[in-house]
N, C-alpha and C. Protein backbone atom coordinates (compact mmCIF):
# COMPACT_ATOMS: atom_id res chain seq x y z
N MET A 1 104.77 92.54 121.20
CA MET A 1 103.87 91.79 121.80
C MET A 1 102.62 92.66 122.16
N GLU A 2 102.87 93.98 122.98
CA GLU A 2 101.44 94.64 123.40
C GLU A 2 100.84 95.19 122.30
N GLN A 3 101.54 95.64 121.13
CA GLN A 3 100.51 95.83 119.61
C GLN A 3 99.65 94.79 119.25
N PHE A 4 100.20 93.43 119.36
CA PHE A 4 99.69 92.29 119.02
C PHE A 4 98.46 92.20 119.90
N LEU A 5 98.62 92.36 121.13
CA LEU A 5 97.67 92.15 122.43
C LEU A 5 96.52 93.08 122.22
N GLN A 6 96.75 94.36 121.65
CA GLN A 6 95.50 95.18 121.57
C GLN A 6 94.84 94.96 120.54
N MET A 7 95.59 94.34 119.25
CA MET A 7 94.71 94.09 117.91
C MET A 7 93.67 92.97 118.48
N ALA A 8 94.48 92.07 118.90
CA ALA A 8 93.50 90.38 119.24
C ALA A 8 92.27 91.05 120.18
N GLY A 9 92.35 92.16 121.45
CA GLY A 9 91.42 92.52 122.37
C GLY A 9 90.43 93.54 121.67
N VAL A 10 91.01 93.97 120.44
CA VAL A 10 89.78 94.76 119.57
C VAL A 10 88.98 94.03 118.72
N LEU A 11 89.68 92.80 118.27
CA LEU A 11 88.95 91.68 117.42
C LEU A 11 88.08 90.85 118.33
N ALA A 12 88.16 90.61 119.44
CA ALA A 12 87.62 90.01 120.02
C ALA A 12 86.42 90.78 120.82
N ALA A 13 86.73 91.76 120.96
CA ALA A 13 85.58 92.95 121.49
C ALA A 13 84.64 92.97 120.30
N LEU A 14 84.89 93.05 119.01
CA LEU A 14 84.04 92.85 117.88
C LEU A 14 83.20 91.88 117.81
N TYR A 15 83.70 90.68 117.96
CA TYR A 15 83.24 89.76 117.91
C TYR A 15 81.85 89.48 119.09
N ILE A 16 82.40 89.37 120.28
CA ILE A 16 81.40 89.43 121.47
C ILE A 16 80.23 90.41 121.02
N ALA A 17 80.74 91.73 120.64
CA ALA A 17 79.30 92.69 120.40
C ALA A 17 78.45 92.00 119.35
N TYR A 18 79.15 91.55 118.30
CA TYR A 18 78.52 90.86 117.16
C TYR A 18 77.67 89.65 117.73
N ALA A 19 77.93 88.97 118.42
CA ALA A 19 77.50 87.57 119.19
C ALA A 19 76.79 87.97 120.12
N LEU A 20 76.28 89.42 120.40
CA LEU A 20 75.38 89.43 121.64
C LEU A 20 74.09 90.17 120.77
N THR A 21 74.49 90.38 119.48
CA THR A 21 73.76 91.59 118.68
C THR A 21 72.97 90.54 117.50
N LEU A 22 73.37 90.57 116.35
CA LEU A 22 72.79 89.94 115.05
C LEU A 22 73.33 88.22 115.30
N LYS A 23 73.83 87.66 116.03
CA LYS A 23 73.82 86.16 115.86
C LYS A 23 72.87 85.70 116.63
N LYS A 24 72.18 86.50 117.88
CA LYS A 24 71.32 86.19 118.54
C LYS A 24 69.86 86.35 118.44
N TRP A 25 69.67 86.26 116.92
CA TRP A 25 68.17 86.71 116.67
C TRP A 25 67.41 85.50 116.88
N ASP A 26 66.03 85.62 117.51
CA ASP A 26 65.37 84.35 117.94
C ASP A 26 64.23 83.85 117.12
N TYR A 27 64.69 82.66 116.66
CA TYR A 27 63.79 81.96 115.45
C TYR A 27 63.07 80.79 116.10
N ALA A 28 63.05 80.63 117.61
CA ALA A 28 62.44 79.76 118.29
C ALA A 28 60.77 79.39 117.64
N SER A 29 59.97 80.35 117.13
CA SER A 29 58.84 80.85 116.78
C SER A 29 58.58 80.96 115.28
N GLU A 30 57.37 80.49 114.80
CA GLU A 30 57.14 80.95 113.31
C GLU A 30 56.76 82.16 113.30
N ALA A 31 56.07 82.89 114.35
CA ALA A 31 55.72 84.42 114.21
C ALA A 31 57.12 85.10 114.19
N LYS A 32 57.98 84.61 115.39
CA LYS A 32 59.29 85.47 115.21
C LYS A 32 59.80 85.23 113.72
N ARG A 33 59.72 83.92 113.30
CA ARG A 33 60.86 84.03 111.88
C ARG A 33 59.99 85.07 110.91
N THR A 34 58.62 84.84 110.83
CA THR A 34 57.83 85.88 110.17
C THR A 34 58.26 87.38 109.95
N GLU A 35 58.17 87.63 111.28
CA GLU A 35 58.40 88.94 111.69
C GLU A 35 59.85 89.37 111.19
N ARG A 36 60.76 88.88 111.40
CA ARG A 36 61.98 88.92 110.94
C ARG A 36 62.19 89.12 109.64
N ARG A 37 61.63 88.23 108.63
CA ARG A 37 61.69 87.93 107.39
C ARG A 37 61.08 89.17 106.97
N THR A 38 60.27 89.65 107.62
CA THR A 38 59.04 90.70 107.14
C THR A 38 60.05 92.25 107.25
N GLN A 39 61.12 92.36 108.35
CA GLN A 39 61.81 93.34 108.77
C GLN A 39 62.87 93.57 107.74
N LEU A 40 63.61 92.42 107.10
CA LEU A 40 64.47 92.16 106.20
C LEU A 40 64.12 92.81 105.24
N LYS A 41 62.68 92.50 104.42
CA LYS A 41 62.32 92.95 103.23
C LYS A 41 61.76 94.69 103.22
N GLU A 42 61.47 94.93 104.52
CA GLU A 42 61.34 96.41 104.39
C GLU A 42 62.55 97.25 104.43
N LEU A 43 63.78 96.59 104.63
CA LEU A 43 64.96 97.14 105.03
C LEU A 43 65.74 97.16 103.35
N GLY A 44 65.59 95.92 102.78
CA GLY A 44 65.93 95.77 101.48
C GLY A 44 66.75 94.75 101.34
N LEU A 45 66.23 93.73 100.19
CA LEU A 45 67.09 92.81 99.73
C LEU A 45 67.68 92.91 98.36
N SER A 46 68.68 92.22 97.67
CA SER A 46 68.93 92.15 96.45
C SER A 46 69.21 90.92 95.93
N ASN A 47 68.35 90.25 94.75
CA ASN A 47 68.51 89.12 94.51
C ASN A 47 69.53 88.99 92.97
N THR A 48 70.41 89.83 92.91
CA THR A 48 71.54 89.64 92.07
C THR A 48 72.92 90.42 92.94
N PHE A 49 73.88 89.92 92.46
CA PHE A 49 75.19 90.37 93.07
C PHE A 49 76.14 89.75 91.96
N TYR A 50 77.62 90.15 92.42
CA TYR A 50 78.69 90.06 91.63
C TYR A 50 79.31 89.16 92.52
N PHE A 51 79.92 88.01 91.43
CA PHE A 51 80.21 86.59 91.81
C PHE A 51 81.50 86.72 91.63
N ILE A 52 82.76 86.57 92.38
CA ILE A 52 84.03 86.26 92.16
C ILE A 52 84.47 85.17 93.18
N HIS A 53 85.48 84.19 92.73
CA HIS A 53 86.01 83.35 93.73
C HIS A 53 86.59 84.01 94.77
N ALA A 54 86.36 84.06 96.06
CA ALA A 54 86.91 84.69 97.22
C ALA A 54 88.47 84.77 97.16
N GLY A 55 88.93 83.65 97.12
CA GLY A 55 90.42 83.24 97.01
C GLY A 55 91.05 84.35 95.37
N THR A 56 90.38 84.29 94.54
CA THR A 56 90.56 85.36 93.58
C THR A 56 90.85 86.51 93.75
N LEU A 57 89.71 87.00 94.43
CA LEU A 57 89.44 88.61 95.01
C LEU A 57 90.66 88.87 95.73
N LEU A 58 91.07 87.83 96.59
CA LEU A 58 91.99 88.09 97.67
C LEU A 58 93.03 88.39 96.83
N ILE A 59 93.87 87.50 96.19
CA ILE A 59 95.05 87.56 95.06
C ILE A 59 94.84 88.93 94.29
N LEU A 60 93.88 89.28 93.40
CA LEU A 60 93.74 90.49 92.62
C LEU A 60 93.89 91.69 93.46
N ASN A 61 93.28 91.67 94.65
CA ASN A 61 93.26 92.73 95.63
C ASN A 61 94.85 93.11 96.28
N ALA A 62 95.37 91.79 96.46
CA ALA A 62 96.57 91.79 97.22
C ALA A 62 97.75 92.58 96.20
N VAL A 63 97.70 91.98 94.72
CA VAL A 63 98.57 92.26 94.23
C VAL A 63 98.30 93.89 93.34
N SER A 64 97.47 94.18 93.49
CA SER A 64 97.11 95.59 93.08
C SER A 64 96.95 96.70 93.81
N GLY A 65 97.58 96.53 95.14
CA GLY A 65 97.63 97.15 96.31
C GLY A 65 96.52 97.79 96.89
N GLY A 66 95.51 96.74 96.65
CA GLY A 66 94.27 97.08 97.10
C GLY A 66 92.99 98.26 96.45
N LEU A 67 93.46 98.39 95.36
CA LEU A 67 93.04 98.91 94.26
C LEU A 67 91.78 98.12 93.54
N PHE A 68 91.90 97.12 93.48
CA PHE A 68 90.87 95.96 92.70
C PHE A 68 89.93 96.35 93.49
N VAL A 69 89.50 96.57 94.63
CA VAL A 69 88.32 96.76 95.47
C VAL A 69 87.36 97.91 94.99
N LEU A 70 88.07 98.67 94.18
CA LEU A 70 87.45 99.62 93.45
C LEU A 70 86.08 98.95 92.08
N TYR A 71 87.35 98.08 91.71
CA TYR A 71 86.66 97.43 90.47
C TYR A 71 85.55 96.17 91.08
N TRP A 72 85.94 95.52 91.98
CA TRP A 72 84.51 94.64 93.15
C TRP A 72 83.50 95.87 93.14
N LEU A 73 83.88 96.76 94.27
CA LEU A 73 82.50 97.49 94.22
C LEU A 73 81.77 97.99 93.27
N PHE A 74 82.42 98.65 92.10
CA PHE A 74 81.27 98.99 90.83
C PHE A 74 80.94 97.89 90.45
N ARG A 75 81.36 96.38 90.11
CA ARG A 75 80.51 95.44 89.83
C ARG A 75 79.70 95.03 90.49
N GLN A 76 79.76 95.09 92.11
CA GLN A 76 78.69 94.80 93.05
C GLN A 76 77.80 95.80 93.02
N TRP A 77 77.62 97.33 93.11
CA TRP A 77 76.57 97.89 92.93
C TRP A 77 75.76 98.04 91.94
N LYS A 78 76.50 97.84 90.54
CA LYS A 78 75.93 97.45 89.36
C LYS A 78 74.92 96.45 89.25
N ALA A 79 75.23 95.14 90.23
CA ALA A 79 74.21 94.16 90.03
C ALA A 79 73.38 94.49 91.07
N VAL A 80 73.80 95.09 92.47
CA VAL A 80 72.61 95.28 93.49
C VAL A 80 71.65 96.17 92.88
N LEU A 81 72.14 97.45 92.21
CA LEU A 81 71.09 98.39 91.86
C LEU A 81 69.83 97.89 91.00
N THR A 82 70.23 96.62 90.35
CA THR A 82 69.40 96.20 89.27
C THR A 82 68.30 95.03 89.84
N GLY A 83 69.17 94.61 91.24
CA GLY A 83 67.85 93.43 91.80
C GLY A 83 67.36 93.76 93.25
N PHE A 84 67.87 95.39 93.70
CA PHE A 84 67.36 95.58 94.84
C PHE A 84 65.89 95.70 94.94
N ARG A 85 65.19 95.34 96.14
CA ARG A 85 63.87 95.25 96.44
C ARG A 85 63.61 95.43 97.73
N ARG A 86 62.64 96.11 98.04
CA ARG A 86 62.10 96.46 99.44
C ARG A 86 60.91 96.65 99.50
N LEU A 87 59.99 96.24 100.64
CA LEU A 87 58.68 96.36 100.48
C LEU A 87 57.76 97.72 100.06
N SER A 88 58.67 98.63 100.10
CA SER A 88 58.31 100.03 100.15
C SER A 88 58.32 100.27 98.69
N GLY A 89 59.03 99.56 97.71
CA GLY A 89 59.27 100.20 96.65
C GLY A 89 60.29 100.86 96.24
N GLN A 90 60.62 101.72 96.99
CA GLN A 90 62.05 102.98 96.86
C GLN A 90 63.11 102.20 96.41
N PRO A 91 63.75 102.56 95.36
CA PRO A 91 64.88 102.14 95.23
C PRO A 91 65.99 102.87 95.67
N LEU A 92 67.26 102.13 95.43
CA LEU A 92 68.55 102.80 95.90
C LEU A 92 68.98 104.24 95.12
N SER A 93 69.48 105.09 96.07
CA SER A 93 69.75 106.37 95.16
C SER A 93 71.08 106.43 94.71
N GLY A 94 71.36 106.91 93.79
CA GLY A 94 72.49 107.03 93.39
C GLY A 94 73.31 106.01 92.26
N GLY A 95 74.26 105.80 91.36
CA GLY A 95 74.80 105.12 90.49
C GLY A 95 75.50 104.12 90.53
N ALA A 96 76.30 103.12 90.05
CA ALA A 96 77.25 102.48 90.86
C ALA A 96 78.51 103.43 90.90
N PHE A 97 78.89 104.30 89.92
CA PHE A 97 79.96 104.89 89.85
C PHE A 97 80.06 105.60 91.09
N MET A 98 79.05 106.47 91.22
CA MET A 98 79.22 107.40 92.38
C MET A 98 79.16 106.56 93.52
N ARG A 99 78.43 105.36 93.63
CA ARG A 99 78.56 104.66 94.92
C ARG A 99 80.11 103.99 94.84
N THR A 100 80.88 103.95 94.01
CA THR A 100 82.26 103.27 93.92
C THR A 100 83.08 104.40 94.32
N LEU A 101 82.85 105.29 94.40
CA LEU A 101 83.63 107.03 94.33
C LEU A 101 83.42 107.03 95.69
N GLY A 102 82.38 106.92 96.52
CA GLY A 102 82.24 107.10 97.97
C GLY A 102 82.05 105.69 98.56
N GLY A 103 82.98 104.70 98.32
CA GLY A 103 83.30 103.38 98.63
C GLY A 103 83.42 103.30 100.15
N ALA A 104 84.10 104.59 101.01
CA ALA A 104 84.36 104.60 102.25
C ALA A 104 82.86 104.24 103.41
N VAL A 105 81.87 104.86 102.58
CA VAL A 105 80.82 105.16 103.07
C VAL A 105 79.82 103.71 102.54
N THR A 106 79.86 103.42 101.24
CA THR A 106 79.02 102.51 100.61
C THR A 106 79.37 101.31 101.01
N PHE A 107 80.35 100.95 101.31
CA PHE A 107 80.99 99.45 101.66
C PHE A 107 80.17 99.28 102.62
N PHE A 108 79.81 100.04 103.83
CA PHE A 108 79.13 99.49 104.97
C PHE A 108 77.66 99.09 104.49
N GLU A 109 77.16 99.92 103.71
CA GLU A 109 75.60 99.73 103.31
C GLU A 109 75.61 98.54 102.39
N LEU A 110 76.88 98.24 101.21
CA LEU A 110 76.63 96.94 100.49
C LEU A 110 76.78 95.65 101.85
N ASN A 111 77.92 95.84 102.51
CA ASN A 111 77.81 94.97 103.53
C ASN A 111 76.62 94.42 104.40
N ALA A 112 75.76 95.41 104.60
CA ALA A 112 74.30 95.36 105.11
C ALA A 112 73.48 94.48 104.34
N ILE A 113 73.17 94.78 102.97
CA ILE A 113 72.60 94.30 102.07
C ILE A 113 72.77 93.17 101.77
N ILE A 114 74.01 92.57 101.82
CA ILE A 114 74.48 91.02 101.74
C ILE A 114 73.95 90.29 103.06
N CYS A 115 74.17 91.09 104.26
CA CYS A 115 74.03 90.38 105.62
C CYS A 115 72.52 89.89 105.53
N ARG A 116 71.69 90.94 104.95
CA ARG A 116 70.03 90.71 105.15
C ARG A 116 69.95 89.62 103.86
N THR A 117 70.35 89.57 102.95
CA THR A 117 69.90 88.83 101.90
C THR A 117 70.32 87.27 102.11
N CYS A 118 71.57 87.04 102.86
CA CYS A 118 72.08 85.65 103.22
C CYS A 118 71.21 85.31 104.35
N GLU A 119 71.14 85.96 105.46
CA GLU A 119 70.05 85.97 106.49
C GLU A 119 68.86 85.42 105.96
N TYR A 120 68.04 86.30 104.96
CA TYR A 120 66.91 85.81 104.41
C TYR A 120 66.76 84.60 103.79
N MET A 121 67.85 84.43 103.11
CA MET A 121 67.98 83.13 102.38
C MET A 121 68.19 82.15 103.29
N ARG A 122 68.79 82.13 104.76
CA ARG A 122 68.99 81.26 105.59
C ARG A 122 70.43 80.69 105.10
N LYS A 123 71.21 81.44 104.70
CA LYS A 123 72.58 81.24 104.63
C LYS A 123 73.32 81.86 105.67
N LYS A 124 74.93 81.58 106.41
CA LYS A 124 75.19 82.21 107.32
C LYS A 124 75.77 83.27 106.78
N SER A 125 75.04 84.58 107.36
CA SER A 125 75.83 86.07 107.42
C SER A 125 76.91 86.43 107.56
N PRO A 126 77.73 87.44 106.89
CA PRO A 126 79.12 87.99 107.28
C PRO A 126 78.68 88.69 108.72
N PHE A 127 79.56 89.01 109.33
CA PHE A 127 79.95 89.93 110.18
C PHE A 127 79.00 91.26 109.78
N PRO A 128 78.34 91.69 110.45
CA PRO A 128 78.10 93.01 110.48
C PRO A 128 78.63 94.33 109.90
N PRO A 129 78.14 95.09 109.43
CA PRO A 129 78.72 96.16 108.68
C PRO A 129 79.80 96.57 109.17
N TRP A 130 79.53 97.28 110.37
CA TRP A 130 80.60 98.13 111.43
C TRP A 130 81.54 97.09 111.69
N VAL A 131 81.49 95.55 111.52
CA VAL A 131 82.87 95.14 111.82
C VAL A 131 83.96 95.03 110.65
N TRP A 132 82.87 94.97 109.55
CA TRP A 132 84.11 94.42 108.47
C TRP A 132 84.33 96.02 107.79
N GLY A 133 83.78 96.81 107.79
CA GLY A 133 83.82 98.16 107.51
C GLY A 133 84.95 98.58 108.21
N THR A 134 84.99 98.39 109.63
CA THR A 134 85.89 99.15 110.56
C THR A 134 87.05 98.51 110.31
N LEU A 135 87.41 97.08 110.02
CA LEU A 135 88.33 96.64 109.96
C LEU A 135 89.20 96.93 108.36
N TRP A 136 88.18 97.04 107.64
CA TRP A 136 88.95 96.83 105.98
C TRP A 136 89.36 98.94 106.34
N LEU A 137 88.45 99.89 106.63
CA LEU A 137 89.40 101.09 106.67
C LEU A 137 90.33 101.13 107.52
N GLY A 138 90.14 100.47 108.69
CA GLY A 138 91.39 100.39 109.81
C GLY A 138 92.61 99.88 108.93
N GLY A 139 92.46 98.74 108.23
CA GLY A 139 93.56 98.36 107.62
C GLY A 139 94.20 99.08 106.82
N LEU A 140 93.32 99.90 106.07
CA LEU A 140 94.02 100.91 104.94
C LEU A 140 94.74 102.08 105.82
N ILE A 141 93.98 102.85 107.08
CA ILE A 141 94.70 103.49 107.76
C ILE A 141 95.92 102.98 108.15
N GLY A 142 95.79 101.97 108.82
CA GLY A 142 97.42 101.14 109.43
C GLY A 142 98.31 100.83 108.20
N THR A 143 97.90 100.62 106.98
CA THR A 143 99.05 100.47 105.99
C THR A 143 100.05 101.56 105.91
N VAL A 144 98.87 102.73 105.86
CA VAL A 144 99.59 104.12 105.63
C VAL A 144 100.40 104.46 106.75
N LEU A 145 99.91 104.44 107.88
CA LEU A 145 100.41 105.23 108.95
C LEU A 145 101.66 104.49 109.84
N VAL A 146 101.26 103.10 109.92
CA VAL A 146 102.24 101.90 110.93
C VAL A 146 103.44 101.83 110.15
N LYS A 147 104.32 101.92 111.39
CA LYS A 147 105.91 101.81 110.77
C LYS A 147 106.56 100.53 111.03
N PRO A 148 106.26 99.95 111.83
CA PRO A 148 107.03 98.51 111.76
C PRO A 148 106.50 97.51 110.64
N LEU A 149 107.17 96.98 110.15
CA LEU A 149 106.78 96.36 108.92
C LEU A 149 105.91 94.94 109.02
N PHE A 150 106.11 94.51 110.57
CA PHE A 150 105.20 93.34 110.40
C PHE A 150 103.76 94.10 110.81
N TRP A 151 103.52 94.85 111.33
CA TRP A 151 101.84 95.57 111.79
C TRP A 151 101.84 95.92 110.84
N ARG A 152 102.16 96.53 109.79
CA ARG A 152 102.00 97.14 108.30
C ARG A 152 101.35 96.07 107.54
N ALA A 153 102.03 95.01 107.52
CA ALA A 153 101.51 93.70 106.64
C ALA A 153 100.31 93.31 107.23
N CYS A 154 100.21 93.14 108.68
CA CYS A 154 99.08 92.60 109.18
C CYS A 154 97.66 93.73 108.82
N CYS A 155 97.77 95.17 108.82
CA CYS A 155 97.04 96.11 108.62
C CYS A 155 96.87 96.04 106.95
N TYR A 156 97.75 95.77 106.15
CA TYR A 156 97.41 95.49 104.62
C TYR A 156 96.39 94.15 104.67
N ALA A 157 96.84 93.13 105.35
CA ALA A 157 96.11 92.18 105.06
C ALA A 157 94.53 91.98 105.48
N LEU A 158 94.42 93.28 106.46
CA LEU A 158 92.82 93.73 106.65
C LEU A 158 92.65 94.38 105.29
N TRP A 159 93.18 95.42 104.94
CA TRP A 159 92.61 95.89 103.75
C TRP A 159 92.47 95.33 102.77
N VAL A 160 92.83 94.32 102.43
CA VAL A 160 92.76 93.46 101.03
C VAL A 160 92.17 92.55 101.49
N GLY A 161 91.69 92.05 102.93
CA GLY A 161 91.27 90.44 102.97
C GLY A 161 89.69 90.63 103.21
N ALA A 162 89.56 92.00 103.72
CA ALA A 162 87.75 92.29 104.31
C ALA A 162 87.09 91.75 103.31
N PRO A 163 87.07 92.52 101.84
CA PRO A 163 86.19 92.54 100.63
C PRO A 163 86.28 91.00 100.35
N ALA A 164 87.26 90.03 100.57
CA ALA A 164 87.32 88.63 100.03
C ALA A 164 86.89 87.94 101.17
N ALA A 165 86.61 88.58 102.62
CA ALA A 165 85.89 87.34 103.51
C ALA A 165 84.03 87.84 103.26
N LEU A 166 83.96 88.88 102.97
CA LEU A 166 82.73 89.38 102.63
C LEU A 166 82.07 88.61 101.25
N GLN A 167 82.84 88.46 100.26
CA GLN A 167 82.60 87.39 99.05
C GLN A 167 82.26 86.24 99.54
N HIS A 168 83.08 85.63 100.44
CA HIS A 168 83.23 84.24 100.88
C HIS A 168 81.87 83.97 101.27
N ARG A 169 81.51 84.64 102.11
CA ARG A 169 80.17 84.36 102.46
C ARG A 169 78.79 84.66 101.31
N LEU A 170 79.34 85.33 100.62
CA LEU A 170 78.09 86.01 99.68
C LEU A 170 78.39 84.83 98.58
N ASN A 171 79.47 84.24 98.32
CA ASN A 171 79.19 82.83 97.49
C ASN A 171 78.46 81.67 97.49
N ALA A 172 77.75 82.23 99.01
CA ALA A 172 77.34 80.65 99.33
C ALA A 172 75.80 80.50 99.03
N LEU A 173 75.41 81.89 98.40
CA LEU A 173 74.01 81.96 97.72
C LEU A 173 73.45 81.21 96.71
N PRO A 174 74.51 81.25 95.55
CA PRO A 174 74.47 80.46 94.19
C PRO A 174 74.56 79.14 94.46
N GLU A 175 74.01 78.21 94.13
CA GLU A 175 74.17 76.85 94.13
C GLU A 175 75.16 76.53 93.28
N GLN A 176 76.25 76.90 92.60
CA GLN A 176 77.23 76.52 91.71
C GLN A 176 78.38 77.06 92.37
N THR A 177 79.74 76.20 91.73
CA THR A 177 81.08 76.17 91.99
C THR A 177 81.58 77.34 91.02
N LEU A 178 82.25 78.21 91.76
CA LEU A 178 83.03 79.63 91.00
C LEU A 178 84.16 78.91 90.93
N SER A 179 84.78 79.64 89.38
CA SER A 179 85.97 79.23 88.92
C SER A 179 86.96 80.04 89.46
N ALA A 180 88.31 79.75 89.84
CA ALA A 180 89.39 80.52 90.47
C ALA A 180 89.82 81.15 89.38
N LYS A 181 89.84 81.07 87.98
CA LYS A 181 90.31 81.52 87.26
C LYS A 181 89.83 83.04 86.91
N PRO A 182 90.43 83.93 86.95
CA PRO A 182 90.22 85.40 86.72
C PRO A 182 89.68 85.80 85.25
N LYS A 183 88.38 86.73 85.29
CA LYS A 183 88.07 87.01 83.75
C LYS A 183 88.85 88.15 83.46
N PRO A 184 89.06 88.06 81.94
CA PRO A 184 89.92 89.42 81.49
C PRO A 184 89.77 90.62 81.82
N GLY A 185 88.69 91.31 82.28
CA GLY A 185 88.34 92.66 82.76
C GLY A 185 88.88 92.42 84.28
N GLU A 186 88.79 91.52 85.07
CA GLU A 186 89.39 91.62 86.36
C GLU A 186 90.83 91.65 86.24
N LEU A 187 91.14 90.95 85.77
CA LEU A 187 92.67 90.39 85.54
C LEU A 187 93.26 92.04 84.89
N GLY A 188 92.68 92.38 83.75
CA GLY A 188 93.16 93.60 83.68
C GLY A 188 93.12 94.82 84.41
N PHE A 189 92.24 95.28 85.25
CA PHE A 189 92.15 95.67 86.25
C PHE A 189 93.09 96.04 87.17
N ALA A 190 93.25 94.21 87.63
CA ALA A 190 94.19 94.24 88.63
C ALA A 190 95.60 94.97 88.20
N VAL A 191 95.99 94.67 86.82
CA VAL A 191 97.36 95.06 86.56
C VAL A 191 97.13 96.49 86.27
N PHE A 192 96.08 97.26 85.95
CA PHE A 192 96.10 98.45 86.22
C PHE A 192 95.99 99.05 87.53
N GLY A 193 95.73 98.60 88.10
CA GLY A 193 96.00 99.05 90.10
C GLY A 193 97.74 98.96 90.11
N LEU A 194 97.97 97.65 89.81
CA LEU A 194 99.37 97.59 90.25
C LEU A 194 100.25 98.73 89.67
N VAL A 195 100.28 98.99 88.35
CA VAL A 195 100.58 100.24 87.68
C VAL A 195 100.47 101.33 88.49
N CYS A 196 99.24 101.65 88.73
CA CYS A 196 98.74 102.75 89.26
C CYS A 196 99.87 102.88 90.72
N VAL A 197 99.87 102.10 91.51
CA VAL A 197 100.38 101.91 92.76
C VAL A 197 102.23 102.13 92.82
N LEU A 198 102.45 101.59 91.94
CA LEU A 198 103.95 101.55 91.33
C LEU A 198 104.27 103.11 91.09
N GLY A 199 103.40 103.70 90.15
CA GLY A 199 103.55 105.17 89.97
C GLY A 199 103.55 105.75 90.88
N LEU A 200 102.70 105.47 92.18
CA LEU A 200 102.57 106.44 93.33
C LEU A 200 103.81 106.48 93.91
N VAL A 201 104.27 105.17 94.39
CA VAL A 201 105.50 104.79 95.14
C VAL A 201 106.64 105.92 94.35
N ALA A 202 106.76 105.40 93.05
CA ALA A 202 107.91 106.09 92.47
C ALA A 202 107.78 107.62 92.41
N ALA A 203 106.18 108.09 92.38
CA ALA A 203 106.37 109.71 92.58
C ALA A 203 106.73 109.78 93.84
N PHE A 204 106.30 109.49 94.63
CA PHE A 204 106.58 109.76 96.55
C PHE A 204 107.92 109.67 96.68
N ARG A 205 109.03 108.88 95.73
CA ARG A 205 110.13 108.67 96.57
C ARG A 205 110.99 109.86 95.38
N VAL A 206 110.51 110.39 94.45
CA VAL A 206 111.34 111.08 93.54
C VAL A 206 110.90 112.42 93.95
N PHE A 207 109.67 112.93 94.24
CA PHE A 207 109.33 114.41 94.42
C PHE A 207 109.09 114.69 95.82
N ILE A 208 108.95 113.48 96.92
CA ILE A 208 108.57 113.83 98.57
C ILE A 208 109.94 113.66 99.07
N ARG A 209 110.88 112.69 98.86
CA ARG A 209 111.87 112.20 99.61
C ARG A 209 113.20 112.62 98.75
């Protein structure tokens, strides 16, 4: 119970901080709206993203031990690097592969671009990058280090669920219904991830224990 209250307190604090910052942008006047939209364009927006049904992403990520997020990050960055634009004309540095390898850092940047694009398109934005990024990485750390099964399951849910929550907001941008059926490449990588996880677990039991 004490651990549950601590986790609830952390989540409440994150939401309060979000509500007092990004959520409270002043759009009361046309001047404010124009100023904010210009600021968003200066920071950079993308007109292309990788779209997948959020429920499908959650399931594939869960069955692959969270490794499907690597495929998701690669496809997202491949799309974003193509469609990224900002007023200065300066492109993003690095390629999709390197950004995927550095996912622990670039996840935050991707989240920021999605937030800005959703806001610019007047769609509901995801939580700020530091919220989902912290929950995502914290979920991974908790999954590895936390011993009680219930709390480990909660951490795992955060680890695999954060990308799906971000995708859910992103999917509001296109005016089309996404199929929940996974594509062959998506399904194939999920199976590959599952095999890798099972192999790591087997190796851990044989060589470490």
